[in-house]
Amino acid sequence: MQAARKAGLLHGKGGRIGGRVSPALVRQAKRQTGIEADTELIEFALATVALEDNFAQAFKTSRGKVDSELKLGF
């Protein structure tokens, strides 16, 4: 949440979001995070997605490619 705050993603809380979700999903997410309030849980989830570093996609894209100048030691 500190990273989201530093990125300016948490100021001006005037937006509203609504939707239907499984109560079991919400309970489990609260258990996993320790977050009790629905608003804080949604904010945490959105910040997590917004700050995703896309490592998995970058790793997948680079699969099978090695720089020809890389010294592998053999």
C-alpha atoms as a PDB file:
ATOM      1  CA  MET A   1       0.000   0.000   0.000  1.00  0.00           C
ATOM      2  CA  GLN A   2       2.989   2.282   0.565  1.00  0.00           C
ATOM      3  CA  ALA A   3       4.016   1.806  -3.069  1.00  0.00           C
ATOM      4  CA  ALA A   4       0.471   2.652  -4.207  1.00  0.00           C
ATOM      5  CA  ARG A   5       0.493   5.725  -2.007  1.00  0.00           C
ATOM      6  CA  LYS A   6       3.885   6.843  -3.375  1.00  0.00           C
ATOM      7  CA  ALA A   7       2.610   6.316  -6.927  1.00  0.00           C
ATOM      8  CA  GLY A   8      -0.291   8.680  -6.199  1.00  0.00           C
ATOM      9  CA  LEU A   9      -2.902   5.967  -6.614  1.00  0.00           C
ATOM     10  CA  LEU A  10      -4.680   6.474  -3.285  1.00  0.00           C
ATOM     11  CA  HIS A  11      -5.530  10.172  -3.179  1.00  0.00           C
ATOM     12  CA  GLY A  12      -8.928  11.625  -4.015  1.00  0.00           C
ATOM     13  CA  LYS A  13     -11.174   8.791  -2.921  1.00  0.00           C
ATOM     14  CA  GLY A  14     -14.292   9.930  -4.726  1.00  0.00           C
ATOM     15  CA  GLY A  15     -14.773   6.896  -6.928  1.00  0.00           C
ATOM     16  CA  ARG A  16     -17.303   4.199  -6.208  1.00  0.00           C
ATOM     17  CA  ILE A  17     -17.301   0.578  -7.318  1.00  0.00           C
ATOM     18  CA  GLY A  18     -19.925  -2.108  -6.973  1.00  0.00           C
ATOM     19  CA  GLY A  19     -20.384  -5.703  -7.925  1.00  0.00           C
ATOM     20  CA  ARG A  20     -21.519  -9.100  -6.773  1.00  0.00           C
ATOM     21  CA  VAL A  21     -18.894 -11.507  -5.489  1.00  0.00           C
ATOM     22  CA  SER A  22     -18.880 -14.795  -3.644  1.00  0.00           C
ATOM     23  CA  PRO A  23     -19.024 -14.309   0.145  1.00  0.00           C
ATOM     24  CA  ALA A  24     -16.608 -17.251   0.476  1.00  0.00           C
ATOM     25  CA  LEU A  25     -14.107 -15.413  -1.732  1.00  0.00           C
ATOM     26  CA  VAL A  26     -14.365 -12.278   0.401  1.00  0.00           C
ATOM     27  CA  ARG A  27     -14.012 -14.255   3.660  1.00  0.00           C
ATOM     28  CA  GLN A  28     -10.935 -16.086   2.389  1.00  0.00           C
ATOM     29  CA  ALA A  29      -9.328 -12.891   1.059  1.00  0.00           C
ATOM     30  CA  LYS A  30      -9.898 -11.203   4.418  1.00  0.00           C
ATOM     31  CA  ARG A  31      -8.421 -14.223   6.205  1.00  0.00           C
ATOM     32  CA  GLN A  32      -5.359 -14.215   3.934  1.00  0.00           C
ATOM     33  CA  THR A  33      -4.710 -10.482   4.208  1.00  0.00           C
ATOM     34  CA  GLY A  34      -5.916  -9.706   7.713  1.00  0.00           C
ATOM     35  CA  ILE A  35      -7.997  -6.893   6.234  1.00  0.00           C
ATOM     36  CA  GLU A  36     -11.443  -6.588   7.813  1.00  0.00           C
ATOM     37  CA  ALA A  37     -13.135  -3.745   5.909  1.00  0.00           C
ATOM     38  CA  ASP A  38     -14.553  -4.396   2.431  1.00  0.00           C
ATOM     39  CA  THR A  39     -13.360  -1.020   1.132  1.00  0.00           C
ATOM     40  CA  GLU A  40      -9.797  -1.613   2.320  1.00  0.00           C
ATOM     41  CA  LEU A  41      -9.834  -5.114   0.820  1.00  0.00           C
ATOM     42  CA  ILE A  42     -10.964  -3.797  -2.579  1.00  0.00           C
ATOM     43  CA  GLU A  43      -8.370  -1.020  -2.421  1.00  0.00           C
ATOM     44  CA  PHE A  44      -5.639  -3.553  -1.587  1.00  0.00           C
ATOM     45  CA  ALA A  45      -6.685  -5.879  -4.410  1.00  0.00           C
ATOM     46  CA  LEU A  46      -6.794  -3.067  -6.973  1.00  0.00           C
ATOM     47  CA  ALA A  47      -3.429  -1.688  -5.826  1.00  0.00           C
ATOM     48  CA  THR A  48      -1.911  -5.155  -6.139  1.00  0.00           C
ATOM     49  CA  VAL A  49      -3.081  -5.417  -9.752  1.00  0.00           C
ATOM     50  CA  ALA A  50      -2.168  -1.810 -10.592  1.00  0.00           C
ATOM     51  CA  LEU A  51       1.387  -2.261  -9.337  1.00  0.00           C
ATOM     52  CA  GLU A  52       1.933  -5.679 -10.946  1.00  0.00           C
ATOM     53  CA  ASP A  53       5.424  -5.861 -12.395  1.00  0.00           C
ATOM     54  CA  ASN A  54       4.427  -8.274 -15.208  1.00  0.00           C
ATOM     55  CA  PHE A  55       7.388 -10.525 -14.387  1.00  0.00           C
ATOM     56  CA  ALA A  56       5.603 -13.673 -15.543  1.00  0.00           C
ATOM     57  CA  GLN A  57       4.878 -12.235 -18.996  1.00  0.00           C
ATOM     58  CA  ALA A  58       8.407 -10.844 -19.379  1.00  0.00           C
ATOM     59  CA  PHE A  59       9.853 -14.204 -18.338  1.00  0.00           C
ATOM     60  CA  LYS A  60       7.597 -16.047 -20.779  1.00  0.00           C
ATOM     61  CA  THR A  61       8.476 -13.661 -23.630  1.00  0.00           C
ATOM     62  CA  SER A  62      12.206 -14.140 -23.090  1.00  0.00           C
ATOM     63  CA  ARG A  63      11.977 -17.938 -22.927  1.00  0.00           C
ATOM     64  CA  GLY A  64      14.559 -19.656 -25.089  1.00  0.00           C
ATOM     65  CA  LYS A  65      16.451 -16.447 -25.822  1.00  0.00           C
ATOM     66  CA  VAL A  66      19.964 -15.898 -24.509  1.00  0.00           C
ATOM     67  CA  ASP A  67      22.172 -12.975 -25.411  1.00  0.00           C
ATOM     68  CA  SER A  68      25.028 -14.283 -27.612  1.00  0.00           C
ATOM     69  CA  GLU A  69      27.495 -12.125 -25.615  1.00  0.00           C
ATOM     70  CA  LEU A  70      26.528 -13.719 -22.295  1.00  0.00           C
ATOM     71  CA  LYS A  71      29.432 -15.619 -20.684  1.00  0.00           C
ATOM     72  CA  LEU A  72      27.989 -18.883 -19.363  1.00  0.00           C
ATOM     73  CA  GLY A  73      31.264 -20.235 -17.966  1.00  0.00           C
ATOM     74  CA  PHE A  74      31.692 -23.231 -20.235  1.00  0.00           C
END
